[in-house]
Amino acid sequence: MMNFGLNAEFAIYVLDMVGIVACSVAGTTLALYKRFDFFGCILVSMVNAIGGGTLRDVMLDRHPLFWMTDLNYMIVITLTSLLCQVFFGLYKKVAGALKFFDAIGLAAFSVIGLKVTLSFGANPLVAVLMAVMTSIAGGIMRDMICNEVPLVLQKEIYISASIIGSVLYFGLEQIGFSMHLVEMLTLLTIFGVRMFAIRFDWHLPSLEWRFDR
């Protein structure tokens, strides 16, 4: 039982770092495109990478905040941002790179949000809400700093991808799949839904009201 607990904790940590790196790249890419300076790019990458998790932990009263007790988060974010700034010229299509790394962060942080919230004994509905919060809040703050309309406020298949993956998570868990397989399938589903939506230009419908003056 001890080994299983340690393995599960390590898996969550690795998954968290995957999301951190992906969101750092996405944040730095947008900041560079907006011509932010050296420190501005690092700031945006930090907001994008830890913003959602911070808001989740504050709402769950989970203290101390994860990045305050583990400096690896700050180190990884800073190094990732630096490397991204150095090799920024390799990205031919900024929008495509941003959405690709955004999708990785969306998938990773959705699963992290689920697992952290469920570890507090929360019900599935609250866990899904926290999964969405973890995965989108950083991106919203990033886009606001960069004077962009947040993706989640547009017709993009974004929040719905996180919800679909979260529902699948609970469904597979009820069936009896191993937790590692549940997490992997959830990750692939969220990432896949998001990337297919980008590839085939899927959008959510909106209600448009016309008012006569």
C-alpha atoms as a PDB file:
ATOM      1  CA  MET A   1       0.000   0.000   0.000  1.00  0.00           C
ATOM      2  CA  MET A   2       2.862   2.349   0.802  1.00  0.00           C
ATOM      3  CA  ASN A   3       4.482   1.794  -2.593  1.00  0.00           C
ATOM      4  CA  PHE A   4       1.172   2.267  -4.393  1.00  0.00           C
ATOM      5  CA  GLY A   5       0.602   5.542  -2.590  1.00  0.00           C
ATOM      6  CA  LEU A   6       4.077   6.774  -3.467  1.00  0.00           C
ATOM      7  CA  ASN A   7       3.681   5.713  -7.093  1.00  0.00           C
ATOM      8  CA  ALA A   8       0.314   7.467  -7.351  1.00  0.00           C
ATOM      9  CA  GLU A   9       1.749  10.623  -5.810  1.00  0.00           C
ATOM     10  CA  PHE A  10       4.733  10.528  -8.188  1.00  0.00           C
ATOM     11  CA  ALA A  11       2.428  10.034 -11.186  1.00  0.00           C
ATOM     12  CA  ILE A  12       0.405  13.114 -10.174  1.00  0.00           C
ATOM     13  CA  TYR A  13       3.610  15.116  -9.785  1.00  0.00           C
ATOM     14  CA  VAL A  14       4.894  14.112 -13.225  1.00  0.00           C
ATOM     15  CA  LEU A  15       1.517  14.875 -14.785  1.00  0.00           C
ATOM     16  CA  ASP A  16       1.527  18.269 -13.084  1.00  0.00           C
ATOM     17  CA  MET A  17       4.972  19.035 -14.502  1.00  0.00           C
ATOM     18  CA  VAL A  18       3.828  18.061 -18.000  1.00  0.00           C
ATOM     19  CA  GLY A  19       1.022  20.590 -17.710  1.00  0.00           C
ATOM     20  CA  ILE A  20       3.395  23.185 -16.256  1.00  0.00           C
ATOM     21  CA  VAL A  21       5.826  22.858 -19.178  1.00  0.00           C
ATOM     22  CA  ALA A  22       3.058  22.918 -21.790  1.00  0.00           C
ATOM     23  CA  CYS A  23       1.402  25.998 -20.314  1.00  0.00           C
ATOM     24  CA  SER A  24       4.749  27.736 -19.908  1.00  0.00           C
ATOM     25  CA  VAL A  25       5.420  27.266 -23.614  1.00  0.00           C
ATOM     26  CA  ALA A  26       1.924  28.452 -24.519  1.00  0.00           C
ATOM     27  CA  GLY A  27       2.184  31.521 -22.286  1.00  0.00           C
ATOM     28  CA  THR A  28       5.651  32.480 -23.506  1.00  0.00           C
ATOM     29  CA  THR A  29       4.665  31.970 -27.147  1.00  0.00           C
ATOM     30  CA  LEU A  30       1.756  34.386 -26.845  1.00  0.00           C
ATOM     31  CA  ALA A  31       3.807  36.892 -24.846  1.00  0.00           C
ATOM     32  CA  LEU A  32       6.566  36.878 -27.470  1.00  0.00           C
ATOM     33  CA  TYR A  33       4.022  37.328 -30.222  1.00  0.00           C
ATOM     34  CA  LYS A  34       2.753  40.354 -28.322  1.00  0.00           C
ATOM     35  CA  ARG A  35       6.361  41.607 -28.060  1.00  0.00           C
ATOM     36  CA  PHE A  36       6.643  41.371 -24.274  1.00  0.00           C
ATOM     37  CA  ASP A  37      10.117  41.778 -22.810  1.00  0.00           C
ATOM     38  CA  PHE A  38      12.220  39.075 -21.137  1.00  0.00           C
ATOM     39  CA  PHE A  39      10.621  39.290 -17.689  1.00  0.00           C
ATOM     40  CA  GLY A  40       7.158  39.894 -19.120  1.00  0.00           C
ATOM     41  CA  CYS A  41       7.333  36.554 -20.939  1.00  0.00           C
ATOM     42  CA  ILE A  42       8.313  34.748 -17.748  1.00  0.00           C
ATOM     43  CA  LEU A  43       5.499  36.440 -15.825  1.00  0.00           C
ATOM     44  CA  VAL A  44       2.896  35.435 -18.410  1.00  0.00           C
ATOM     45  CA  SER A  45       4.209  31.861 -18.453  1.00  0.00           C
ATOM     46  CA  MET A  46       3.953  31.679 -14.652  1.00  0.00           C
ATOM     47  CA  VAL A  47       0.399  33.021 -14.631  1.00  0.00           C
ATOM     48  CA  ASN A  48      -0.597  30.544 -17.314  1.00  0.00           C
ATOM     49  CA  ALA A  49       1.097  27.582 -15.651  1.00  0.00           C
ATOM     50  CA  ILE A  50       0.099  27.997 -11.991  1.00  0.00           C
ATOM     51  CA  GLY A  51      -2.901  30.344 -12.130  1.00  0.00           C
ATOM     52  CA  GLY A  52      -5.539  27.641 -12.371  1.00  0.00           C
ATOM     53  CA  GLY A  53      -4.013  25.407  -9.713  1.00  0.00           C
ATOM     54  CA  THR A  54      -3.602  28.351  -7.358  1.00  0.00           C
ATOM     55  CA  LEU A  55      -7.235  29.389  -7.700  1.00  0.00           C
ATOM     56  CA  ARG A  56      -8.345  25.779  -7.193  1.00  0.00           C
ATOM     57  CA  ASP A  57      -6.291  25.403  -4.016  1.00  0.00           C
ATOM     58  CA  VAL A  58      -7.568  28.695  -2.616  1.00  0.00           C
ATOM     59  CA  MET A  59     -11.175  27.596  -3.235  1.00  0.00           C
ATOM     60  CA  LEU A  60     -10.481  24.192  -1.641  1.00  0.00           C
ATOM     61  CA  ASP A  61      -8.610  25.835   1.264  1.00  0.00           C
ATOM     62  CA  ARG A  62      -5.595  23.698   0.394  1.00  0.00           C
ATOM     63  CA  HIS A  63      -2.534  25.252   2.002  1.00  0.00           C
ATOM     64  CA  PRO A  64       0.298  25.936   1.648  1.00  0.00           C
ATOM     65  CA  LEU A  65       0.096  26.563  -2.090  1.00  0.00           C
ATOM     66  CA  PHE A  66       1.982  23.910  -4.039  1.00  0.00           C
ATOM     67  CA  TRP A  67       4.417  26.277  -5.758  1.00  0.00           C
ATOM     68  CA  MET A  68       5.358  27.963  -2.478  1.00  0.00           C
ATOM     69  CA  THR A  69       6.667  24.745  -0.960  1.00  0.00           C
ATOM     70  CA  ASP A  70       8.217  23.243  -4.082  1.00  0.00           C
ATOM     71  CA  LEU A  71      10.582  25.561  -5.947  1.00  0.00           C
ATOM     72  CA  ASN A  72      10.785  23.071  -8.818  1.00  0.00           C
ATOM     73  CA  TYR A  73       7.642  24.670 -10.223  1.00  0.00           C
ATOM     74  CA  MET A  74       9.260  28.103 -10.473  1.00  0.00           C
ATOM     75  CA  ILE A  75      12.490  26.641 -11.824  1.00  0.00           C
ATOM     76  CA  VAL A  76      10.758  24.573 -14.510  1.00  0.00           C
ATOM     77  CA  ILE A  77       8.555  27.488 -15.579  1.00  0.00           C
ATOM     78  CA  THR A  78      11.506  29.883 -15.806  1.00  0.00           C
ATOM     79  CA  LEU A  79      13.756  27.463 -17.712  1.00  0.00           C
ATOM     80  CA  THR A  80      10.945  26.521 -20.097  1.00  0.00           C
ATOM     81  CA  SER A  81      10.193  30.169 -20.784  1.00  0.00           C
ATOM     82  CA  LEU A  82      13.875  30.921 -21.388  1.00  0.00           C
ATOM     83  CA  LEU A  83      14.252  28.036 -23.840  1.00  0.00           C
ATOM     84  CA  CYS A  84      11.059  29.049 -25.600  1.00  0.00           C
ATOM     85  CA  GLN A  85      12.323  32.618 -25.971  1.00  0.00           C
ATOM     86  CA  VAL A  86      15.652  31.427 -27.378  1.00  0.00           C
ATOM     87  CA  PHE A  87      14.088  29.060 -29.907  1.00  0.00           C
ATOM     88  CA  PHE A  88      10.974  31.094 -30.666  1.00  0.00           C
ATOM     89  CA  GLY A  89      12.063  31.477 -34.287  1.00  0.00           C
ATOM     90  CA  LEU A  90      11.466  27.751 -34.844  1.00  0.00           C
ATOM     91  CA  TYR A  91       7.717  28.256 -34.543  1.00  0.00           C
ATOM     92  CA  LYS A  92       6.360  28.992 -37.996  1.00  0.00           C
ATOM     93  CA  LYS A  93       2.752  29.233 -36.918  1.00  0.00           C
ATOM     94  CA  VAL A  94       2.284  30.886 -33.534  1.00  0.00           C
ATOM     95  CA  ALA A  95      -1.459  30.188 -33.331  1.00  0.00           C
ATOM     96  CA  GLY A  96      -0.973  26.495 -34.045  1.00  0.00           C
ATOM     97  CA  ALA A  97       1.821  26.110 -31.478  1.00  0.00           C
ATOM     98  CA  LEU A  98      -0.189  27.996 -28.864  1.00  0.00           C
ATOM     99  CA  LYS A  99      -3.271  25.826 -29.310  1.00  0.00           C
ATOM    100  CA  PHE A 100      -1.248  22.587 -29.365  1.00  0.00           C
ATOM    101  CA  PHE A 101       0.495  23.261 -26.045  1.00  0.00           C
ATOM    102  CA  ASP A 102      -2.722  24.703 -24.659  1.00  0.00           C
ATOM    103  CA  ALA A 103      -4.430  21.377 -25.394  1.00  0.00           C
ATOM    104  CA  ILE A 104      -1.720  19.466 -23.520  1.00  0.00           C
ATOM    105  CA  GLY A 105      -2.130  21.749 -20.519  1.00  0.00           C
ATOM    106  CA  LEU A 106      -5.912  21.459 -20.716  1.00  0.00           C
ATOM    107  CA  ALA A 107      -5.742  17.660 -20.562  1.00  0.00           C
ATOM    108  CA  ALA A 108      -3.082  17.446 -17.850  1.00  0.00           C
ATOM    109  CA  PHE A 109      -4.612  20.045 -15.550  1.00  0.00           C
ATOM    110  CA  SER A 110      -8.125  18.626 -15.947  1.00  0.00           C
ATOM    111  CA  VAL A 111      -6.939  15.280 -14.583  1.00  0.00           C
ATOM    112  CA  ILE A 112      -4.908  16.971 -11.839  1.00  0.00           C
ATOM    113  CA  GLY A 113      -7.940  19.043 -10.843  1.00  0.00           C
ATOM    114  CA  LEU A 114     -10.093  15.927 -10.619  1.00  0.00           C
ATOM    115  CA  LYS A 115      -7.611  13.971  -8.518  1.00  0.00           C
ATOM    116  CA  VAL A 116      -6.793  16.796  -6.112  1.00  0.00           C
ATOM    117  CA  THR A 117     -10.463  17.645  -5.541  1.00  0.00           C
ATOM    118  CA  LEU A 118     -11.495  14.014  -5.091  1.00  0.00           C
ATOM    119  CA  SER A 119      -8.702  13.575  -2.531  1.00  0.00           C
ATOM    120  CA  PHE A 120     -10.606  16.131  -0.407  1.00  0.00           C
ATOM    121  CA  GLY A 121     -13.707  13.915  -0.493  1.00  0.00           C
ATOM    122  CA  ALA A 122     -15.653  16.213  -2.817  1.00  0.00           C
ATOM    123  CA  ASN A 123     -18.575  14.882  -4.850  1.00  0.00           C
ATOM    124  CA  PRO A 124     -18.142  14.270  -8.619  1.00  0.00           C
ATOM    125  CA  LEU A 125     -19.913  17.480  -9.667  1.00  0.00           C
ATOM    126  CA  VAL A 126     -17.600  19.658  -7.594  1.00  0.00           C
ATOM    127  CA  ALA A 127     -14.621  17.651  -8.884  1.00  0.00           C
ATOM    128  CA  VAL A 128     -15.644  18.347 -12.487  1.00  0.00           C
ATOM    129  CA  LEU A 129     -16.025  22.058 -11.740  1.00  0.00           C
ATOM    130  CA  MET A 130     -12.591  22.161 -10.132  1.00  0.00           C
ATOM    131  CA  ALA A 131     -11.107  20.242 -13.069  1.00  0.00           C
ATOM    132  CA  VAL A 132     -12.443  22.903 -15.416  1.00  0.00           C
ATOM    133  CA  MET A 133     -11.240  25.666 -13.097  1.00  0.00           C
ATOM    134  CA  THR A 134      -7.739  24.193 -12.889  1.00  0.00           C
ATOM    135  CA  SER A 135      -7.455  23.828 -16.645  1.00  0.00           C
ATOM    136  CA  ILE A 136      -8.853  27.174 -17.833  1.00  0.00           C
ATOM    137  CA  ALA A 137      -8.195  29.850 -15.203  1.00  0.00           C
ATOM    138  CA  GLY A 138      -4.511  30.269 -16.040  1.00  0.00           C
ATOM    139  CA  GLY A 139      -5.282  30.614 -19.742  1.00  0.00           C
ATOM    140  CA  ILE A 140      -7.954  33.219 -19.060  1.00  0.00           C
ATOM    141  CA  MET A 141      -5.547  35.315 -16.983  1.00  0.00           C
ATOM    142  CA  ARG A 142      -2.839  34.898 -19.637  1.00  0.00           C
ATOM    143  CA  ASP A 143      -5.128  36.109 -22.413  1.00  0.00           C
ATOM    144  CA  MET A 144      -6.329  39.064 -20.347  1.00  0.00           C
ATOM    145  CA  ILE A 145      -2.749  40.171 -19.631  1.00  0.00           C
ATOM    146  CA  CYS A 146      -1.964  39.856 -23.356  1.00  0.00           C
ATOM    147  CA  ASN A 147      -5.106  41.815 -24.277  1.00  0.00           C
ATOM    148  CA  GLU A 148      -6.678  38.838 -26.046  1.00  0.00           C
ATOM    149  CA  VAL A 149     -10.261  37.584 -25.859  1.00  0.00           C
ATOM    150  CA  PRO A 150      -9.947  34.360 -23.805  1.00  0.00           C
ATOM    151  CA  LEU A 151     -10.466  31.205 -25.862  1.00  0.00           C
ATOM    152  CA  VAL A 152     -12.970  29.861 -23.355  1.00  0.00           C
ATOM    153  CA  LEU A 153     -15.223  32.878 -23.920  1.00  0.00           C
ATOM    154  CA  GLN A 154     -15.396  32.193 -27.642  1.00  0.00           C
ATOM    155  CA  LYS A 155     -17.128  29.343 -29.484  1.00  0.00           C
ATOM    156  CA  GLU A 156     -14.088  27.104 -29.083  1.00  0.00           C
ATOM    157  CA  ILE A 157     -14.497  23.469 -27.973  1.00  0.00           C
ATOM    158  CA  TYR A 158     -12.525  24.007 -24.771  1.00  0.00           C
ATOM    159  CA  ILE A 159     -14.468  23.736 -21.523  1.00  0.00           C
ATOM    160  CA  SER A 160     -16.615  21.015 -23.072  1.00  0.00           C
ATOM    161  CA  ALA A 161     -13.474  18.940 -23.792  1.00  0.00           C
ATOM    162  CA  SER A 162     -12.569  19.043 -20.097  1.00  0.00           C
ATOM    163  CA  ILE A 163     -16.130  18.104 -19.094  1.00  0.00           C
ATOM    164  CA  ILE A 164     -16.278  15.209 -21.576  1.00  0.00           C
ATOM    165  CA  GLY A 165     -12.982  13.863 -20.264  1.00  0.00           C
ATOM    166  CA  SER A 166     -14.085  14.260 -16.639  1.00  0.00           C
ATOM    167  CA  VAL A 167     -17.328  12.360 -17.251  1.00  0.00           C
ATOM    168  CA  LEU A 168     -15.325   9.609 -18.973  1.00  0.00           C
ATOM    169  CA  TYR A 169     -13.015   9.489 -15.945  1.00  0.00           C
ATOM    170  CA  PHE A 170     -15.875   8.644 -13.600  1.00  0.00           C
ATOM    171  CA  GLY A 171     -17.440   6.245 -16.084  1.00  0.00           C
ATOM    172  CA  LEU A 172     -14.263   4.224 -16.521  1.00  0.00           C
ATOM    173  CA  GLU A 173     -13.658   4.252 -12.777  1.00  0.00           C
ATOM    174  CA  GLN A 174     -17.131   2.808 -12.166  1.00  0.00           C
ATOM    175  CA  ILE A 175     -16.549   0.072 -14.741  1.00  0.00           C
ATOM    176  CA  GLY A 176     -13.439  -0.990 -12.861  1.00  0.00           C
ATOM    177  CA  PHE A 177     -10.556   0.110 -15.070  1.00  0.00           C
ATOM    178  CA  SER A 178      -7.179   0.523 -13.386  1.00  0.00           C
ATOM    179  CA  MET A 179      -6.499   4.083 -12.284  1.00  0.00           C
ATOM    180  CA  HIS A 180      -3.474   4.442 -14.569  1.00  0.00           C
ATOM    181  CA  LEU A 181      -5.583   3.443 -17.577  1.00  0.00           C
ATOM    182  CA  VAL A 182      -8.409   5.746 -16.496  1.00  0.00           C
ATOM    183  CA  GLU A 183      -6.020   8.684 -16.300  1.00  0.00           C
ATOM    184  CA  MET A 184      -4.366   7.906 -19.635  1.00  0.00           C
ATOM    185  CA  LEU A 185      -7.670   7.525 -21.483  1.00  0.00           C
ATOM    186  CA  THR A 186      -8.980  10.715 -19.909  1.00  0.00           C
ATOM    187  CA  LEU A 187      -5.869  12.609 -20.985  1.00  0.00           C
ATOM    188  CA  LEU A 188      -6.057  11.281 -24.536  1.00  0.00           C
ATOM    189  CA  THR A 189      -9.771  12.027 -24.770  1.00  0.00           C
ATOM    190  CA  ILE A 190      -9.482  15.649 -23.653  1.00  0.00           C
ATOM    191  CA  PHE A 191      -6.450  16.262 -25.841  1.00  0.00           C
ATOM    192  CA  GLY A 192      -8.055  14.458 -28.784  1.00  0.00           C
ATOM    193  CA  VAL A 193     -11.369  16.321 -28.564  1.00  0.00           C
ATOM    194  CA  ARG A 194      -9.556  19.651 -28.395  1.00  0.00           C
ATOM    195  CA  MET A 195      -7.225  18.885 -31.312  1.00  0.00           C
ATOM    196  CA  PHE A 196     -10.008  17.469 -33.493  1.00  0.00           C
ATOM    197  CA  ALA A 197     -12.017  20.607 -32.801  1.00  0.00           C
ATOM    198  CA  ILE A 198      -9.094  22.717 -33.994  1.00  0.00           C
ATOM    199  CA  ARG A 199      -8.387  20.513 -36.999  1.00  0.00           C
ATOM    200  CA  PHE A 200     -11.974  20.338 -38.244  1.00  0.00           C
ATOM    201  CA  ASP A 201     -13.023  23.793 -37.022  1.00  0.00           C
ATOM    202  CA  TRP A 202     -15.693  22.542 -34.631  1.00  0.00           C
ATOM    203  CA  HIS A 203     -17.461  25.250 -32.660  1.00  0.00           C
ATOM    204  CA  LEU A 204     -20.200  25.380 -30.105  1.00  0.00           C
ATOM    205  CA  PRO A 205     -23.462  26.950 -31.278  1.00  0.00           C
ATOM    206  CA  SER A 206     -24.490  30.298 -29.842  1.00  0.00           C
ATOM    207  CA  LEU A 207     -27.822  31.989 -29.488  1.00  0.00           C
ATOM    208  CA  GLU A 208     -27.871  35.190 -31.451  1.00  0.00           C
ATOM    209  CA  TRP A 209     -30.564  37.720 -30.593  1.00  0.00           C
ATOM    210  CA  ARG A 210     -31.466  40.495 -32.938  1.00  0.00           C
ATOM    211  CA  PHE A 211     -33.027  43.610 -31.511  1.00  0.00           C
ATOM    212  CA  ASP A 212     -34.911  46.081 -33.639  1.00  0.00           C
ATOM    213  CA  ARG A 213     -34.148  49.647 -32.802  1.00  0.00           C
END
